[in-house]
Protein backbone atom coordinates (compact mmCIF):
# COMPACT_ATOMS: atom_id res chain seq x y z
CA UNK A 1 -3.83 12.42 4.29
CA UNK A 2 -5.75 12.65 0.82
CA UNK A 3 -9.40 12.14 0.46
CA UNK A 4 -8.73 10.12 -2.98
CA UNK A 5 -6.37 6.57 -2.92
CA UNK A 6 -5.34 4.89 -5.71
CA UNK A 7 -6.08 0.92 -5.82
CA UNK A 8 -2.29 0.36 -6.08
CA UNK A 9 -1.39 2.29 -3.35
CA UNK A 10 -4.02 0.56 -1.11
CA UNK A 11 -2.50 -2.83 -2.37
CA UNK A 12 1.11 -1.03 -1.36
CA UNK A 13 -0.37 -0.97 2.11
CA UNK A 14 -1.78 -3.59 2.68
CA UNK A 15 1.43 -5.75 1.40
CA UNK A 16 3.21 -3.54 3.62
CA UNK A 17 1.09 -4.76 6.73
CA UNK A 18 -0.61 -1.70 7.59
CA UNK A 19 -4.07 -1.89 8.99
CA UNK A 20 -6.72 -0.79 6.63
CA UNK A 21 -10.67 -1.32 6.60
CA UNK A 22 -11.92 -1.96 3.38
CA UNK A 23 -15.77 -0.52 3.46
CA UNK A 24 -17.85 -1.39 0.14
CA UNK A 25 -20.64 1.45 0.08
CA UNK A 26 -22.13 -0.25 -2.90
CA UNK A 27 -25.67 -2.42 -2.71
CA UNK A 28 -25.84 -5.96 -1.46
CA UNK A 29 -26.87 -7.11 -5.43
CA UNK A 30 -23.50 -5.50 -6.28
CA UNK A 31 -21.72 -6.95 -3.71
CA UNK A 32 -23.11 -10.52 -4.78
CA UNK A 33 -21.64 -9.95 -7.92
CA UNK A 34 -18.10 -9.45 -6.86
CA UNK A 35 -16.49 -7.66 -3.84
CA UNK A 36 -13.21 -7.70 -2.45
CA UNK A 37 -12.06 -10.15 0.07
CA UNK A 38 -11.79 -8.93 3.62
CA UNK A 39 -14.04 -5.96 2.69
CA UNK A 40 -16.93 -5.17 5.38
CA UNK A 41 -20.13 -4.02 3.22
CA UNK A 42 -21.86 -0.78 4.45
CA UNK A 43 -24.14 0.39 1.87
CA UNK A 44 -24.04 4.15 0.95
CA UNK A 45 -27.38 5.03 2.68
CA UNK A 46 -26.48 3.08 5.93
CA UNK A 47 -23.23 4.80 6.47
CA UNK A 48 -24.91 7.13 9.03
CA UNK A 49 -26.07 4.51 11.26
CA UNK A 50 -22.92 2.77 11.09
CA UNK A 51 -20.91 6.38 12.16
CA UNK A 52 -19.71 5.08 15.62
CA UNK A 53 -18.60 1.63 14.29
CA UNK A 54 -16.36 3.39 11.32
CA UNK A 55 -15.31 6.00 13.97
CA UNK A 56 -14.11 3.59 16.06
CA UNK A 57 -12.38 1.16 13.03
CA UNK A 58 -10.62 4.40 12.00
CA UNK A 59 -9.16 5.05 15.40
CA UNK A 60 -7.06 1.38 14.44
CA UNK A 61 -6.44 1.88 11.09
CA UNK A 62 -7.51 3.74 7.81
CA UNK A 63 -10.62 3.27 6.39
CA UNK A 64 -10.84 2.86 2.58
CA UNK A 65 -13.95 3.29 1.12
CA UNK A 66 -14.95 1.96 -2.15
CA UNK A 67 -18.25 1.57 -4.45
CA UNK A 68 -18.01 0.53 -8.67
CA UNK A 69 -16.29 3.77 -9.87
CA UNK A 70 -15.23 5.75 -7.11
CA UNK A 71 -18.39 8.38 -7.04
CA UNK A 72 -20.79 7.11 -4.20
CA UNK A 73 -17.58 6.41 -1.85
CA UNK A 74 -15.91 9.84 -2.44
CA UNK A 75 -19.31 11.21 -1.62
CA UNK A 76 -19.02 8.87 1.83
CA UNK A 77 -15.59 9.75 2.28
CA UNK A 78 -16.37 13.37 2.06
CA UNK A 79 -19.22 12.87 4.29
CA UNK A 80 -17.03 11.07 6.75
CA UNK A 81 -14.72 13.87 7.29
CA UNK A 82 -16.95 16.08 7.87
CA UNK A 83 -18.18 14.12 10.97
CA UNK A 84 -14.92 14.34 12.41
CA UNK A 85 -13.28 10.76 11.18
CA UNK A 86 -10.22 12.00 9.31
CA UNK A 87 -8.78 8.52 8.79
CA UNK A 88 -10.48 7.73 5.43
CA UNK A 89 -9.96 7.97 1.92
CA UNK A 90 -11.70 6.88 -1.05
CA UNK A 91 -10.54 4.49 -3.40
CA UNK A 92 -10.09 6.15 -7.05
CA UNK A 93 -12.00 4.00 -9.47
CA UNK A 94 -13.73 1.68 -6.87
CA UNK A 95 -14.18 -1.85 -7.48
CA UNK A 96 -13.59 -1.02 -11.58
CA UNK A 97 -9.81 -0.16 -10.73
CA UNK A 98 -9.23 -3.16 -8.27
CA UNK A 99 -10.39 -5.64 -10.96
CA UNK A 100 -8.27 -3.93 -13.75
CA UNK A 101 -5.18 -2.98 -12.16
CA UNK A 102 -4.59 -5.53 -8.83
CA UNK A 103 -7.02 -8.53 -9.04
CA UNK A 104 -8.40 -9.77 -12.44
CA UNK A 105 -10.17 -12.74 -10.87
CA UNK A 106 -12.61 -10.00 -9.28
CA UNK A 107 -15.34 -10.09 -11.98
CA UNK A 108 -16.37 -6.60 -13.73
CA UNK A 109 -20.03 -5.51 -14.56
């Protein structure tokens, strides 16, 4: 599994019925502006406290970590891999890419 995945590939896998867990690592105020339906908000600074829950989720499907533009999520995915969670990937371009390429109803900021 590559460390990064495109928004288009995430959508393709969702449409194919794959089990994906969308993990939004932005801050609550960013999440209030916009979010991807079905995603779970786990701010970056709380990821270490949530690692057991994320590990359990990764046993059942791929974790797709995303943020605004993809930098924070890349750091989180890399850290999760270091914790032994190999079934995770950072969404390239973050929610910005999702809004531009997948769902234009998701507001940009």
